[in-house]
Amino acid sequence: MERAVYSPFSKEIDGGLDERKRERYTSLVLRAKEASAYPHQSGYFVRTAGLAKDGTEYIGGNKEYAHSDAFVHGETAVLSGMRDITDSPM
């Protein structure tokens, strides 16, 4: 099952995006599908992607003990990539 947890466009997804923004958002969703989990801790897994101000795309993912942890640490994996941090910041 795939779902968007949060999107800056979620309130206007049907009519508020111009073609360029829609393509960029779709690109991030597709990039997130390439993320891999590390370390293996449970069956909960999140794939994440982020877009830097310079347009660079970053991906990350994680498996965690609980559903809520997976979302937090998956996002942290993306931020670590943006900041070029190789060790887990958690």
C-alpha atoms as a PDB file:
ATOM      1  CA  MET A   1       0.000   0.000   0.000  1.00  0.00           C
ATOM      2  CA  GLU A   2       1.365   3.400  -0.919  1.00  0.00           C
ATOM      3  CA  ARG A   3       0.161   6.689   0.483  1.00  0.00           C
ATOM      4  CA  ALA A   4       1.328  10.266   0.749  1.00  0.00           C
ATOM      5  CA  VAL A   5       1.772  11.247   4.382  1.00  0.00           C
ATOM      6  CA  TYR A   6       2.110  14.949   3.665  1.00  0.00           C
ATOM      7  CA  SER A   7       2.260  17.006   0.547  1.00  0.00           C
ATOM      8  CA  PRO A   8       2.491  20.770   0.251  1.00  0.00           C
ATOM      9  CA  PHE A   9       0.075  20.339  -2.634  1.00  0.00           C
ATOM     10  CA  SER A  10      -2.399  18.040  -0.867  1.00  0.00           C
ATOM     11  CA  LYS A  11      -5.132  20.664  -0.549  1.00  0.00           C
ATOM     12  CA  GLU A  12      -4.910  21.624  -4.194  1.00  0.00           C
ATOM     13  CA  ILE A  13      -3.731  18.477  -5.927  1.00  0.00           C
ATOM     14  CA  ASP A  14      -6.484  18.488  -8.537  1.00  0.00           C
ATOM     15  CA  GLY A  15      -6.432  22.094  -9.659  1.00  0.00           C
ATOM     16  CA  GLY A  16      -3.662  24.139  -8.055  1.00  0.00           C
ATOM     17  CA  LEU A  17      -0.566  22.718  -9.712  1.00  0.00           C
ATOM     18  CA  ASP A  18       0.761  23.981 -12.986  1.00  0.00           C
ATOM     19  CA  GLU A  19       2.328  21.397 -15.301  1.00  0.00           C
ATOM     20  CA  ARG A  20       5.908  22.115 -14.167  1.00  0.00           C
ATOM     21  CA  LYS A  21       5.069  21.691 -10.472  1.00  0.00           C
ATOM     22  CA  ARG A  22       3.054  18.554 -11.159  1.00  0.00           C
ATOM     23  CA  GLU A  23       5.993  17.018 -13.064  1.00  0.00           C
ATOM     24  CA  ARG A  24       8.411  17.930 -10.246  1.00  0.00           C
ATOM     25  CA  TYR A  25       6.162  16.462  -7.575  1.00  0.00           C
ATOM     26  CA  THR A  26       5.612  13.292  -9.618  1.00  0.00           C
ATOM     27  CA  SER A  27       9.362  13.006 -10.138  1.00  0.00           C
ATOM     28  CA  LEU A  28       9.933  13.058  -6.364  1.00  0.00           C
ATOM     29  CA  VAL A  29       7.327  10.374  -5.770  1.00  0.00           C
ATOM     30  CA  LEU A  30       8.938   8.149  -8.407  1.00  0.00           C
ATOM     31  CA  ARG A  31      12.427   8.770  -6.965  1.00  0.00           C
ATOM     32  CA  ALA A  32      11.207   7.748  -3.506  1.00  0.00           C
ATOM     33  CA  LYS A  33      10.369   4.331  -4.925  1.00  0.00           C
ATOM     34  CA  GLU A  34      14.132   3.815  -5.482  1.00  0.00           C
ATOM     35  CA  ALA A  35      14.965   4.266  -1.791  1.00  0.00           C
ATOM     36  CA  SER A  36      16.223   1.273   0.148  1.00  0.00           C
ATOM     37  CA  ALA A  37      15.815   0.493   3.821  1.00  0.00           C
ATOM     38  CA  TYR A  38      18.651   0.374   6.348  1.00  0.00           C
ATOM     39  CA  PRO A  39      19.107  -1.109   8.852  1.00  0.00           C
ATOM     40  CA  HIS A  40      16.538  -3.890   8.810  1.00  0.00           C
ATOM     41  CA  GLN A  41      14.646  -3.613  12.104  1.00  0.00           C
ATOM     42  CA  SER A  42      11.028  -4.555  11.463  1.00  0.00           C
ATOM     43  CA  GLY A  43       8.345  -4.857   8.838  1.00  0.00           C
ATOM     44  CA  TYR A  44       7.613  -1.110   8.830  1.00  0.00           C
ATOM     45  CA  PHE A  45       9.258   0.633   5.915  1.00  0.00           C
ATOM     46  CA  VAL A  46       9.062   4.092   4.451  1.00  0.00           C
ATOM     47  CA  ARG A  47      10.498   5.398   1.191  1.00  0.00           C
ATOM     48  CA  THR A  48      11.199   9.109   1.107  1.00  0.00           C
ATOM     49  CA  ALA A  49      12.438  11.752  -1.317  1.00  0.00           C
ATOM     50  CA  GLY A  50      13.315  15.390  -0.877  1.00  0.00           C
ATOM     51  CA  LEU A  51      14.018  18.329  -3.149  1.00  0.00           C
ATOM     52  CA  ALA A  52      16.782  20.804  -2.286  1.00  0.00           C
ATOM     53  CA  LYS A  53      16.564  24.491  -3.159  1.00  0.00           C
ATOM     54  CA  ASP A  54      19.129  23.973  -5.931  1.00  0.00           C
ATOM     55  CA  GLY A  55      16.889  21.307  -7.513  1.00  0.00           C
ATOM     56  CA  THR A  56      18.888  18.270  -6.395  1.00  0.00           C
ATOM     57  CA  GLU A  57      16.738  15.255  -5.502  1.00  0.00           C
ATOM     58  CA  TYR A  58      17.612  13.039  -2.523  1.00  0.00           C
ATOM     59  CA  ILE A  59      16.185   9.677  -1.538  1.00  0.00           C
ATOM     60  CA  GLY A  60      16.149   7.761   1.732  1.00  0.00           C
ATOM     61  CA  GLY A  61      14.333   5.024   3.544  1.00  0.00           C
ATOM     62  CA  ASN A  62      14.295   2.994   6.716  1.00  0.00           C
ATOM     63  CA  LYS A  63      12.707   0.084   8.516  1.00  0.00           C
ATOM     64  CA  GLU A  64      11.758   0.707  12.120  1.00  0.00           C
ATOM     65  CA  TYR A  65      10.157  -0.787  15.209  1.00  0.00           C
ATOM     66  CA  ALA A  66       6.948   1.206  14.944  1.00  0.00           C
ATOM     67  CA  HIS A  67       4.946   2.833  12.164  1.00  0.00           C
ATOM     68  CA  SER A  68       5.546   6.373  13.458  1.00  0.00           C
ATOM     69  CA  ASP A  69       9.311   5.804  13.801  1.00  0.00           C
ATOM     70  CA  ALA A  70       9.541   4.764  10.163  1.00  0.00           C
ATOM     71  CA  PHE A  71       8.181   8.087   8.941  1.00  0.00           C
ATOM     72  CA  VAL A  72      10.470  10.143  11.190  1.00  0.00           C
ATOM     73  CA  HIS A  73      13.619   8.180  10.387  1.00  0.00           C
ATOM     74  CA  GLY A  74      12.847   7.937   6.679  1.00  0.00           C
ATOM     75  CA  GLU A  75      12.651  11.717   6.506  1.00  0.00           C
ATOM     76  CA  THR A  76      15.860  11.924   8.550  1.00  0.00           C
ATOM     77  CA  ALA A  77      17.591   9.730   5.965  1.00  0.00           C
ATOM     78  CA  VAL A  78      16.714  12.252   3.251  1.00  0.00           C
ATOM     79  CA  LEU A  79      17.913  15.192   5.351  1.00  0.00           C
ATOM     80  CA  SER A  80      21.154  13.346   6.139  1.00  0.00           C
ATOM     81  CA  GLY A  81      21.742  12.930   2.417  1.00  0.00           C
ATOM     82  CA  MET A  82      21.098  16.619   1.815  1.00  0.00           C
ATOM     83  CA  ARG A  83      23.596  17.543   4.513  1.00  0.00           C
ATOM     84  CA  ASP A  84      26.072  14.862   3.358  1.00  0.00           C
ATOM     85  CA  ILE A  85      25.951  13.053   6.692  1.00  0.00           C
ATOM     86  CA  THR A  86      26.902   9.396   6.373  1.00  0.00           C
ATOM     87  CA  ASP A  87      26.186   8.375   9.987  1.00  0.00           C
ATOM     88  CA  SER A  88      22.678   8.312  11.382  1.00  0.00           C
ATOM     89  CA  PRO A  89      21.862  11.572  13.180  1.00  0.00           C
ATOM     90  CA  MET A  90      19.425   9.761  15.493  1.00  0.00           C
END
